[in-house]
C-alpha atoms as a PDB file:
ATOM      1  CA  MET A   1     -35.751  41.312   4.452  1.00  0.00           C
ATOM      2  CA  LYS A   2     -33.289  41.321   7.036  1.00  0.00           C
ATOM      3  CA  LYS A   3     -34.339  37.612   8.090  1.00  0.00           C
ATOM      4  CA  ARG A   4     -34.491  36.906   4.532  1.00  0.00           C
ATOM      5  CA  GLY A   5     -30.744  38.077   4.169  1.00  0.00           C
ATOM      6  CA  THR A   6     -29.452  36.801   7.442  1.00  0.00           C
ATOM      7  CA  LEU A   7     -30.602  33.411   5.923  1.00  0.00           C
ATOM      8  CA  LEU A   8     -28.698  33.949   2.729  1.00  0.00           C
ATOM      9  CA  LEU A   9     -25.695  34.713   3.967  1.00  0.00           C
ATOM     10  CA  SER A  10     -25.721  31.516   6.622  1.00  0.00           C
ATOM     11  CA  ALA A  11     -26.980  29.323   3.504  1.00  0.00           C
ATOM     12  CA  LEU A  12     -23.940  31.449   1.710  1.00  0.00           C
ATOM     13  CA  VAL A  13     -21.351  30.804   4.977  1.00  0.00           C
ATOM     14  CA  ALA A  14     -22.171  27.118   5.105  1.00  0.00           C
ATOM     15  CA  GLY A  15     -21.790  26.463   1.269  1.00  0.00           C
ATOM     16  CA  MET A  16     -18.370  28.061   1.111  1.00  0.00           C
ATOM     17  CA  VAL A  17     -17.560  26.034   4.377  1.00  0.00           C
ATOM     18  CA  LEU A  18     -18.428  22.555   2.704  1.00  0.00           C
ATOM     19  CA  THR A  19     -16.725  23.276  -0.418  1.00  0.00           C
ATOM     20  CA  GLY A  20     -13.458  23.881   1.322  1.00  0.00           C
ATOM     21  CA  CYS A  21     -13.999  20.887   3.534  1.00  0.00           C
ATOM     22  CA  GLN A  22     -14.790  19.119  -0.254  1.00  0.00           C
ATOM     23  CA  LYS A  23     -11.582  20.339  -1.306  1.00  0.00           C
ATOM     24  CA  GLU A  24      -9.726  19.609   1.678  1.00  0.00           C
ATOM     25  CA  THR A  25     -11.066  16.186   1.161  1.00  0.00           C
ATOM     26  CA  ASN A  26     -10.368  16.234  -2.422  1.00  0.00           C
ATOM     27  CA  ASP A  27      -6.826  17.711  -1.733  1.00  0.00           C
ATOM     28  CA  GLU A  28      -5.949  14.810   0.774  1.00  0.00           C
ATOM     29  CA  LEU A  29      -7.360  12.224  -2.285  1.00  0.00           C
ATOM     30  CA  GLU A  30      -5.170  13.492  -4.941  1.00  0.00           C
ATOM     31  CA  SER A  31      -1.904  13.578  -2.465  1.00  0.00           C
ATOM     32  CA  TYR A  32      -2.269   9.792  -1.315  1.00  0.00           C
ATOM     33  CA  LYS A  33      -3.075   8.932  -5.148  1.00  0.00           C
ATOM     34  CA  GLU A  34      -0.299  10.393  -5.709  1.00  0.00           C
ATOM     35  CA  SER A  35       1.822   8.759  -2.916  1.00  0.00           C
ATOM     36  CA  MET A  36       0.682   5.466  -4.021  1.00  0.00           C
ATOM     37  CA  ASP A  37       1.306   6.194  -7.550  1.00  0.00           C
ATOM     38  CA  SER A  38       5.143   6.562  -6.001  1.00  0.00           C
ATOM     39  CA  PHE A  39       5.206   3.856  -4.594  1.00  0.00           C
ATOM     40  CA  TYR A  40       4.110   1.335  -6.932  1.00  0.00           C
ATOM     41  CA  ASN A  41       6.520   2.786  -9.497  1.00  0.00           C
ATOM     42  CA  LYS A  42       8.892   2.587  -6.758  1.00  0.00           C
ATOM     43  CA  LEU A  43       8.429  -1.283  -6.617  1.00  0.00           C
ATOM     44  CA  SER A  44       8.239  -1.485 -10.633  1.00  0.00           C
ATOM     45  CA  TYR A  45      12.453   0.099 -10.280  1.00  0.00           C
ATOM     46  CA  PHE A  46      13.054  -2.495  -7.636  1.00  0.00           C
ATOM     47  CA  ASP A  47      11.620  -5.388  -9.698  1.00  0.00           C
ATOM     48  CA  GLU A  48      13.319  -4.300 -13.112  1.00  0.00           C
ATOM     49  CA  SER A  49      16.460  -3.929 -10.866  1.00  0.00           C
ATOM     50  CA  ILE A  50      16.461  -7.063  -8.990  1.00  0.00           C
ATOM     51  CA  ASN A  51      15.880  -9.205 -12.137  1.00  0.00           C
ATOM     52  CA  SER A  52      18.668  -7.521 -14.139  1.00  0.00           C
ATOM     53  CA  ILE A  53      20.642  -8.343 -11.362  1.00  0.00           C
ATOM     54  CA  ASP A  54      23.905 -10.968 -12.614  1.00  0.00           C
ATOM     55  CA  PRO A  55      22.929 -14.139 -10.419  1.00  0.00           C
ATOM     56  CA  ASN A  56      26.714 -14.978 -11.537  1.00  0.00           C
ATOM     57  CA  SER A  57      28.057 -11.844 -10.328  1.00  0.00           C
ATOM     58  CA  ASP A  58      30.395 -11.441  -6.860  1.00  0.00           C
ATOM     59  CA  GLU A  59      27.688  -8.294  -5.871  1.00  0.00           C
ATOM     60  CA  ALA A  60      25.001  -9.736  -6.899  1.00  0.00           C
ATOM     61  CA  VAL A  61      23.536 -10.958  -3.106  1.00  0.00           C
ATOM     62  CA  SER A  62      24.742  -7.295  -1.916  1.00  0.00           C
ATOM     63  CA  GLN A  63      22.572  -6.317  -4.606  1.00  0.00           C
ATOM     64  CA  LEU A  64      19.826  -7.985  -4.095  1.00  0.00           C
ATOM     65  CA  LEU A  65      20.053  -7.408  -0.145  1.00  0.00           C
ATOM     66  CA  GLY A  66      20.402  -3.705  -0.992  1.00  0.00           C
ATOM     67  CA  TYR A  67      17.189  -3.311  -2.938  1.00  0.00           C
ATOM     68  CA  LEU A  68      15.176  -5.716  -0.600  1.00  0.00           C
ATOM     69  CA  ASP A  69      16.174  -3.200   2.605  1.00  0.00           C
ATOM     70  CA  GLU A  70      15.625  -0.183   0.207  1.00  0.00           C
ATOM     71  CA  MET A  71      11.843  -1.727  -0.922  1.00  0.00           C
ATOM     72  CA  ASN A  72      11.312  -2.411   2.746  1.00  0.00           C
ATOM     73  CA  GLU A  73      11.947   1.395   3.652  1.00  0.00           C
ATOM     74  CA  GLU A  74       9.193   2.200   0.813  1.00  0.00           C
ATOM     75  CA  TYR A  75       6.439   0.217   1.942  1.00  0.00           C
ATOM     76  CA  LYS A  76       6.927   0.952   5.252  1.00  0.00           C
ATOM     77  CA  LYS A  77       6.543   4.663   4.281  1.00  0.00           C
ATOM     78  CA  MET A  78       3.550   3.504   2.706  1.00  0.00           C
ATOM     79  CA  SER A  79       2.115   2.125   5.477  1.00  0.00           C
ATOM     80  CA  GLU A  80       2.199   5.170   7.453  1.00  0.00           C
ATOM     81  CA  LEU A  81       0.478   7.124   5.086  1.00  0.00           C
ATOM     82  CA  THR A  82      -2.929   8.986   6.080  1.00  0.00           C
ATOM     83  CA  ILE A  83      -5.760   7.111   3.913  1.00  0.00           C
ATOM     84  CA  PRO A  84      -8.396   8.988   2.698  1.00  0.00           C
ATOM     85  CA  GLU A  85     -11.829   7.497   3.645  1.00  0.00           C
ATOM     86  CA  GLU A  86     -12.727   7.131   0.348  1.00  0.00           C
ATOM     87  CA  PHE A  87      -9.795   4.164   0.931  1.00  0.00           C
ATOM     88  CA  SER A  88     -10.485   3.467   4.725  1.00  0.00           C
ATOM     89  CA  GLY A  89     -11.357  -0.208   3.474  1.00  0.00           C
ATOM     90  CA  ILE A  90      -7.491  -0.684   2.746  1.00  0.00           C
ATOM     91  CA  SER A  91      -5.372   0.415   5.751  1.00  0.00           C
ATOM     92  CA  ASP A  92      -5.120  -2.556   7.159  1.00  0.00           C
ATOM     93  CA  ILE A  93      -3.972  -4.391   4.033  1.00  0.00           C
ATOM     94  CA  ALA A  94      -0.907  -1.678   3.887  1.00  0.00           C
ATOM     95  CA  VAL A  95       0.137  -2.199   7.524  1.00  0.00           C
ATOM     96  CA  GLU A  96       0.304  -6.320   7.062  1.00  0.00           C
ATOM     97  CA  ALA A  97       2.150  -5.322   3.334  1.00  0.00           C
ATOM     98  CA  ALA A  98       4.320  -3.480   5.661  1.00  0.00           C
ATOM     99  CA  ASP A  99       4.485  -6.537   7.798  1.00  0.00           C
ATOM    100  CA  TYR A 100       5.427  -9.109   5.664  1.00  0.00           C
ATOM    101  CA  MET A 101       7.808  -7.079   3.274  1.00  0.00           C
ATOM    102  CA  GLU A 102       9.520  -6.559   7.181  1.00  0.00           C
ATOM    103  CA  MET A 103       9.722 -10.606   7.404  1.00  0.00           C
ATOM    104  CA  ALA A 104      10.813 -11.142   3.838  1.00  0.00           C
ATOM    105  CA  ASP A 105      13.669  -8.599   4.388  1.00  0.00           C
ATOM    106  CA  GLN A 106      14.568 -10.204   7.447  1.00  0.00           C
ATOM    107  CA  PHE A 107      14.410 -13.724   6.677  1.00  0.00           C
ATOM    108  CA  TYR A 108      16.597 -13.084   3.035  1.00  0.00           C
ATOM    109  CA  HIS A 109      18.968 -11.619   4.929  1.00  0.00           C
ATOM    110  CA  GLU A 110      19.151 -14.734   7.065  1.00  0.00           C
ATOM    111  CA  ALA A 111      19.347 -16.784   3.925  1.00  0.00           C
ATOM    112  CA  TYR A 112      22.415 -14.915   2.275  1.00  0.00           C
ATOM    113  CA  ASP A 113      23.954 -13.066   5.201  1.00  0.00           C
ATOM    114  CA  ASN A 114      26.010 -15.647   6.223  1.00  0.00           C
ATOM    115  CA  GLU A 115      26.421 -19.469   5.178  1.00  0.00           C
ATOM    116  CA  PHE A 116      22.922 -20.310   2.136  1.00  0.00           C
ATOM    117  CA  ASP A 117      20.114 -21.015   4.533  1.00  0.00           C
ATOM    118  CA  GLY A 118      17.562 -22.718   1.732  1.00  0.00           C
ATOM    119  CA  ASP A 119      14.119 -22.469   4.833  1.00  0.00           C
ATOM    120  CA  SER A 120      14.730 -18.663   5.084  1.00  0.00           C
ATOM    121  CA  GLU A 121      15.430 -18.151   1.764  1.00  0.00           C
ATOM    122  CA  SER A 122      11.740 -20.171   0.954  1.00  0.00           C
ATOM    123  CA  LEU A 123      10.304 -18.156   3.918  1.00  0.00           C
ATOM    124  CA  ALA A 124      11.180 -14.807   2.988  1.00  0.00           C
ATOM    125  CA  GLY A 125       9.422 -15.810  -0.575  1.00  0.00           C
ATOM    126  CA  GLN A 126       6.362 -16.770   0.449  1.00  0.00           C
ATOM    127  CA  TYR A 127       6.376 -13.248   2.880  1.00  0.00           C
ATOM    128  CA  TYR A 128       7.663 -11.549  -0.082  1.00  0.00           C
ATOM    129  CA  GLN A 129       4.648 -13.333  -2.446  1.00  0.00           C
ATOM    130  CA  ARG A 130       2.007 -12.199   0.607  1.00  0.00           C
ATOM    131  CA  ALA A 131       3.451  -8.663   0.686  1.00  0.00           C
ATOM    132  CA  ASN A 132       2.805  -8.254  -3.241  1.00  0.00           C
ATOM    133  CA  SER A 133      -0.469  -9.710  -3.102  1.00  0.00           C
ATOM    134  CA  ARG A 134      -1.376  -7.384  -0.519  1.00  0.00           C
ATOM    135  CA  VAL A 135      -0.332  -4.196  -2.372  1.00  0.00           C
ATOM    136  CA  LEU A 136      -1.919  -6.197  -5.880  1.00  0.00           C
ATOM    137  CA  VAL A 137      -5.162  -5.872  -3.463  1.00  0.00           C
ATOM    138  CA  MET A 138      -4.439  -2.404  -2.970  1.00  0.00           C
ATOM    139  CA  LEU A 139      -3.854  -1.177  -6.262  1.00  0.00           C
ATOM    140  CA  GLN A 140      -6.775  -3.221  -7.785  1.00  0.00           C
ATOM    141  CA  VAL A 141      -8.808  -0.719  -4.954  1.00  0.00           C
ATOM    142  CA  LEU A 142      -7.461   2.189  -5.836  1.00  0.00           C
ATOM    143  CA  HIS A 143      -8.103   1.755  -9.436  1.00  0.00           C
ATOM    144  CA  GLY A 144     -12.095   1.654  -8.297  1.00  0.00           C
ATOM    145  CA  GLU A 145     -11.824  -2.608  -9.018  1.00  0.00           C
ATOM    146  CA  VAL A 146     -13.499  -5.039  -6.913  1.00  0.00           C
ATOM    147  CA  PRO A 147     -10.251  -7.168  -5.543  1.00  0.00           C
ATOM    148  CA  THR A 148     -10.224 -10.213  -6.894  1.00  0.00           C
ATOM    149  CA  GLY A 149      -7.214 -13.275  -6.039  1.00  0.00           C
ATOM    150  CA  GLU A 150      -6.769 -16.777  -3.877  1.00  0.00           C
ATOM    151  CA  GLY A 151      -8.254 -15.782  -0.282  1.00  0.00           C
ATOM    152  CA  ILE A 152      -9.952 -12.390  -0.859  1.00  0.00           C
ATOM    153  CA  THR A 153     -12.638 -11.315   0.066  1.00  0.00           C
ATOM    154  CA  VAL A 154     -14.929  -8.563  -0.362  1.00  0.00           C
ATOM    155  CA  THR A 155     -17.556  -7.465   1.528  1.00  0.00           C
ATOM    156  CA  THR A 156     -18.968  -3.794   0.306  1.00  0.00           C
ATOM    157  CA  GLN A 157     -19.897  -1.613   3.089  1.00  0.00           C
ATOM    158  CA  ASP A 158     -21.205   0.954   0.873  1.00  0.00           C
ATOM    159  CA  SER A 159     -20.067   2.354  -2.666  1.00  0.00           C
ATOM    160  CA  ILE A 160     -16.796   3.244  -1.558  1.00  0.00           C
ATOM    161  CA  GLN A 161     -15.470   0.863   0.957  1.00  0.00           C
ATOM    162  CA  PHE A 162     -13.929  -2.715   0.584  1.00  0.00           C
ATOM    163  CA  SER A 163     -12.811  -5.129   3.324  1.00  0.00           C
ATOM    164  CA  THR A 164     -10.390  -7.375   1.528  1.00  0.00           C
ATOM    165  CA  ILE A 165      -9.086  -9.621   3.776  1.00  0.00           C
ATOM    166  CA  GLY A 166     -10.072 -12.456   5.955  1.00  0.00           C
ATOM    167  CA  THR A 167      -9.434 -12.502   9.330  1.00  0.00           C
ATOM    168  CA  SER A 168      -8.442 -15.672   9.170  1.00  0.00           C
ATOM    169  CA  THR A 169      -5.012 -17.262   9.081  1.00  0.00           C
ATOM    170  CA  GLU A 170      -4.653 -18.646   5.019  1.00  0.00           C
ATOM    171  CA  GLU A 171      -2.248 -16.761   4.788  1.00  0.00           C
END
């Protein structure tokens, strides 16, 4: 009888520990999802703000570069978030997105800070597009969708992990 009580107590303790681990995992997952929702909301804000700039305004360039600087900071913060195991397949993509945004910001500054440089503007636009394509893939994964798009290869590792960016140097 004592053995049965010890076994039952052990099972109860193990169940509580496992439930506690699950709760911690769920909390991490919810926190990550909330952080990413906030990130995407900020991107929407920047998109609207950039699109509302009057291109004929004397302040247009400084406004644009200011928004891009702020956006770059948000990308950096996003890439530093701890990604829960459920979304571990997007960890490299988050870093790539931040790296591309940093390059976009740098080349936009080169294009507009002094005399206009069309080549830098073109290069900045390409980096900006690459950053945005990465966050779109991340959004698809976060919504439980299989990522689609040009240059995206999906290899399922298990039911919740995706590898979405190939090792080629296409982009």
